[in-house]
Amino acid sequence: MMQRKIYIFCLALSMFGFIPFSQAQKGKSEISVAYGLYSAYSLVDHANGSRPPYTNSSGVGMLNYKYYLTKKLTIGMGFGYENISSWGSFLSFTPEFTYTYFDNPQDRIRVKLYGGASLGMTVFDDFFVYRDIYAHHTDESGAKVTGHITPFGMRIGRKLGGFVELGLGYKGLFNFGASYRFKTHGRTHTEQ
C-alpha cells in the first residue's frame, strides 16, 4: 500500500508540469498549510449507521501551492491527507483555481475575499481489509475522483497571512491555515 501511495504522490508532483512555468515568472506565488474539519468523507462515514461517528477522523492536513495568473485569478495544486480510523485513509491531490472578488490592497490591513474549486484524485486505503482477513469485504482501495468547492474564503495579510474557508469536499466544511506570498523573478504585472 505504501508503494502505491508513493507512486501516486510522485504522479501528483509531475502534474506541476501542467502549470505554465514559462509564464510563471510574470506573477506571484503562494504556499500554504491548512487544517480542515468535516470533509465529505467524514460526513459520509458518519451517515453510514454501521460505522462510528466522524470523531474518528484525523481532520484534513493540507499543503497548497498557488500561482497568480492575474491579480484576481490563481491556479495551483492542493494536497490533502485524512485518516478515518473506522473506514480508511485518503491521500488527495487536486489542481485548483481561485478567483478573488474583493481586495483592498491600499488599506493598512489587507483583506481578500475569494472563491474557488478543485477537481482531482484521492488514493483510498481501505482499513477493513486489515481487520478481519476472513470477512467477506470487498477491498475498495484505489484511486477515486475527488474535489472541493469553496464559495467563500477570506485571507487577511500581505506577504504572510491567515485564511479561513467554507466549502464542501475533501478539504472539509471549514478549514483554516497560514499562507506566504512571494515574488516570482521577472514578473511583469504589479500586485501589492
Protein backbone atom coordinates (compact mmCIF):
# COMPACT_ATOMS: atom_id res chain seq x y z
CA MET A 1 0.00 0.00 0.00
CA MET A 2 2.82 2.41 0.84
CA GLN A 3 4.45 1.88 -2.56
CA ARG A 4 1.18 2.79 -4.26
CA LYS A 5 0.92 6.00 -2.19
CA ILE A 6 4.49 6.94 -3.08
CA TYR A 7 3.77 6.29 -6.75
CA ILE A 8 0.62 8.42 -6.67
CA PHE A 9 2.45 11.19 -4.80
CA CYS A 10 5.16 11.25 -7.49
CA LEU A 11 2.45 11.35 -10.15
CA ALA A 12 0.88 14.32 -8.38
CA LEU A 13 4.19 16.16 -8.31
CA SER A 14 4.58 15.59 -12.03
CA MET A 15 1.24 17.33 -12.56
CA PHE A 16 3.03 20.58 -11.71
CA GLY A 17 4.33 20.31 -15.27
CA PHE A 18 0.90 21.47 -16.43
CA ILE A 19 1.41 24.81 -14.70
CA PRO A 20 2.87 27.24 -17.24
CA PHE A 21 6.26 27.79 -15.62
CA SER A 22 7.48 29.65 -18.69
CA GLN A 23 4.90 32.27 -17.78
CA ALA A 24 5.21 31.72 -14.05
CA GLN A 25 7.82 34.48 -13.99
CA LYS A 26 5.07 37.05 -14.53
CA GLY A 27 3.22 36.87 -11.20
CA LYS A 28 3.45 35.88 -7.58
CA SER A 29 3.27 32.51 -5.93
CA GLU A 30 1.77 31.46 -2.65
CA ILE A 31 2.30 28.42 -0.46
CA SER A 32 0.04 27.49 2.43
CA VAL A 33 -0.57 24.91 5.11
CA ALA A 34 -4.06 24.30 6.40
CA TYR A 35 -6.25 22.04 8.50
CA GLY A 36 -9.85 21.14 7.69
CA LEU A 37 -12.78 19.71 9.61
CA TYR A 38 -15.80 17.66 8.44
CA SER A 39 -14.68 16.57 4.99
CA ALA A 40 -17.15 14.98 2.60
CA TYR A 41 -15.59 11.61 3.52
CA SER A 42 -16.12 12.03 7.25
CA LEU A 43 -19.72 13.16 6.66
CA VAL A 44 -20.41 10.08 4.51
CA ASP A 45 -18.76 7.88 7.14
CA HIS A 46 -20.98 9.41 9.82
CA ALA A 47 -24.14 8.97 7.73
CA ASN A 48 -23.46 5.23 7.40
CA GLY A 49 -25.06 3.82 10.56
CA SER A 50 -22.74 0.81 10.66
CA ARG A 51 -19.72 3.00 11.38
CA PRO A 52 -18.87 5.11 14.45
CA PRO A 53 -19.31 8.88 14.20
CA TYR A 54 -16.92 11.22 12.41
CA THR A 55 -14.97 11.87 15.60
CA ASN A 56 -12.77 9.05 14.25
CA SER A 57 -11.45 11.45 11.61
CA SER A 58 -7.99 12.96 11.98
CA GLY A 59 -9.19 16.05 10.13
CA VAL A 60 -7.57 17.03 6.85
CA GLY A 61 -3.98 18.23 6.75
CA MET A 62 -3.24 20.22 3.59
CA LEU A 63 -0.39 21.74 1.64
CA ASN A 64 -1.20 24.08 -1.29
CA TYR A 65 0.66 25.96 -3.97
CA LYS A 66 -0.90 28.82 -5.98
CA TYR A 67 0.42 30.86 -8.87
CA TYR A 68 -1.17 34.25 -9.63
CA LEU A 69 -2.07 34.39 -13.33
CA THR A 70 -3.55 37.84 -12.67
CA LYS A 71 -4.30 39.86 -9.55
CA LYS A 72 -7.61 38.02 -9.23
CA LEU A 73 -7.06 34.55 -10.71
CA THR A 74 -4.80 31.78 -9.41
CA ILE A 75 -4.09 28.22 -10.48
CA GLY A 76 -2.30 25.69 -8.38
CA MET A 77 -2.18 22.30 -6.74
CA GLY A 78 -3.56 21.08 -3.44
CA PHE A 79 -2.51 18.05 -1.41
CA GLY A 80 -4.54 16.68 1.50
CA TYR A 81 -4.47 13.71 3.86
CA GLU A 82 -7.21 12.41 6.14
CA ASN A 83 -7.32 9.27 8.27
CA ILE A 84 -10.72 7.96 9.34
CA SER A 85 -9.92 5.11 11.71
CA SER A 86 -13.33 3.50 11.24
CA TRP A 87 -13.02 3.40 7.45
CA GLY A 88 -9.70 4.23 5.73
CA SER A 89 -7.22 6.91 4.72
CA PHE A 90 -7.49 9.42 1.89
CA LEU A 91 -4.47 10.96 0.15
CA SER A 92 -5.79 13.63 -2.22
CA PHE A 93 -4.17 15.80 -4.85
CA THR A 94 -6.12 18.25 -6.97
CA PRO A 95 -5.37 21.01 -9.46
CA GLU A 96 -7.33 24.04 -8.32
CA PHE A 97 -8.15 27.64 -9.10
CA THR A 98 -9.35 30.61 -7.08
CA TYR A 99 -10.95 33.89 -8.06
CA THR A 100 -10.75 37.00 -5.85
CA TYR A 101 -13.98 39.02 -5.79
CA PHE A 102 -12.90 41.60 -3.18
CA ASP A 103 -9.48 43.02 -2.36
CA ASN A 104 -8.37 46.19 -0.51
CA PRO A 105 -4.63 46.45 -1.19
CA GLN A 106 -4.49 50.14 -0.23
CA ASP A 107 -5.80 49.64 3.32
CA ARG A 108 -3.50 49.12 6.28
CA ILE A 109 -4.96 45.66 6.92
CA ARG A 110 -5.38 43.81 3.64
CA VAL A 111 -8.46 41.59 3.32
CA LYS A 112 -9.19 39.39 0.32
CA LEU A 113 -12.43 37.52 -0.30
CA TYR A 114 -12.36 34.72 -2.84
CA GLY A 115 -13.96 31.54 -4.09
CA GLY A 116 -12.53 28.52 -5.83
CA ALA A 117 -12.85 24.94 -6.99
CA SER A 118 -10.68 21.89 -7.47
CA LEU A 119 -11.01 18.50 -9.12
CA GLY A 120 -8.50 15.68 -8.90
CA MET A 121 -7.80 12.28 -7.37
CA THR A 122 -7.67 10.65 -3.98
CA VAL A 123 -5.94 7.40 -3.15
CA PHE A 124 -8.11 5.45 -0.72
CA ASP A 125 -6.65 2.80 1.59
CA ASP A 126 -9.48 0.57 2.92
CA PHE A 127 -8.82 -0.33 6.59
CA PHE A 128 -11.50 -3.05 6.75
CA VAL A 129 -9.25 -5.37 4.73
CA TYR A 130 -6.71 -5.49 7.57
CA ARG A 131 -9.20 -6.02 10.41
CA ASP A 132 -10.58 -9.44 9.56
CA ILE A 133 -8.99 -11.40 6.75
CA TYR A 134 -11.90 -13.87 6.83
CA ALA A 135 -14.59 -11.22 6.44
CA HIS A 136 -16.44 -11.01 3.14
CA HIS A 137 -15.45 -7.42 2.45
CA THR A 138 -14.52 -6.15 -0.99
CA ASP A 139 -11.31 -4.12 -0.88
CA GLU A 140 -12.31 -0.64 -2.08
CA SER A 141 -8.74 0.68 -2.04
CA GLY A 142 -7.57 2.60 -5.07
CA ALA A 143 -7.72 5.90 -6.90
CA LYS A 144 -11.01 7.78 -6.94
CA VAL A 145 -12.19 11.17 -8.20
CA THR A 146 -12.36 13.92 -5.59
CA GLY A 147 -12.76 17.67 -5.45
CA HIS A 148 -13.79 20.67 -3.46
CA ILE A 149 -15.90 23.81 -3.92
CA THR A 150 -15.12 26.93 -1.88
CA PRO A 151 -17.82 29.61 -2.28
CA PHE A 152 -16.28 31.72 0.49
CA GLY A 153 -12.67 32.23 1.54
CA MET A 154 -11.09 35.12 3.43
CA ARG A 155 -7.37 35.90 3.67
CA ILE A 156 -6.01 38.62 5.98
CA GLY A 157 -2.45 39.84 5.48
CA ARG A 158 0.00 40.74 2.77
CA LYS A 159 3.05 38.51 2.29
CA LEU A 160 2.28 36.45 5.37
CA GLY A 161 -1.39 35.93 6.07
CA GLY A 162 -4.01 33.77 7.66
CA PHE A 163 -7.12 32.44 5.98
CA VAL A 164 -10.40 30.66 6.60
CA GLU A 165 -12.57 28.90 4.03
CA LEU A 166 -16.07 27.46 3.95
CA GLY A 167 -16.81 24.81 1.37
CA LEU A 168 -17.74 21.26 0.54
CA GLY A 169 -15.46 18.42 -0.47
CA TYR A 170 -12.22 16.78 0.57
CA LYS A 171 -10.90 19.89 2.43
CA GLY A 172 -13.81 19.99 4.88
CA LEU A 173 -16.77 22.25 5.57
CA PHE A 174 -14.40 24.57 7.43
CA ASN A 175 -10.65 24.90 7.01
CA PHE A 176 -8.08 27.41 8.14
CA GLY A 177 -4.37 27.99 7.82
CA ALA A 178 -1.46 30.29 7.05
CA SER A 179 0.00 31.28 3.71
CA TYR A 180 3.05 33.08 2.39
CA ARG A 181 3.09 35.04 -0.88
CA PHE A 182 6.38 35.66 -2.63
CA LYS A 183 7.58 37.38 -5.77
CA THR A 184 8.50 35.32 -8.78
CA HIS A 185 11.53 36.68 -10.63
CA GLY A 186 10.87 38.72 -13.74
CA ARG A 187 7.20 39.36 -13.14
CA THR A 188 5.63 41.91 -15.47
CA HIS A 189 2.47 42.99 -13.68
CA THR A 190 2.34 44.66 -10.31
CA GLU A 191 0.43 43.48 -7.31
CA GLN A 192 0.59 44.97 -3.86
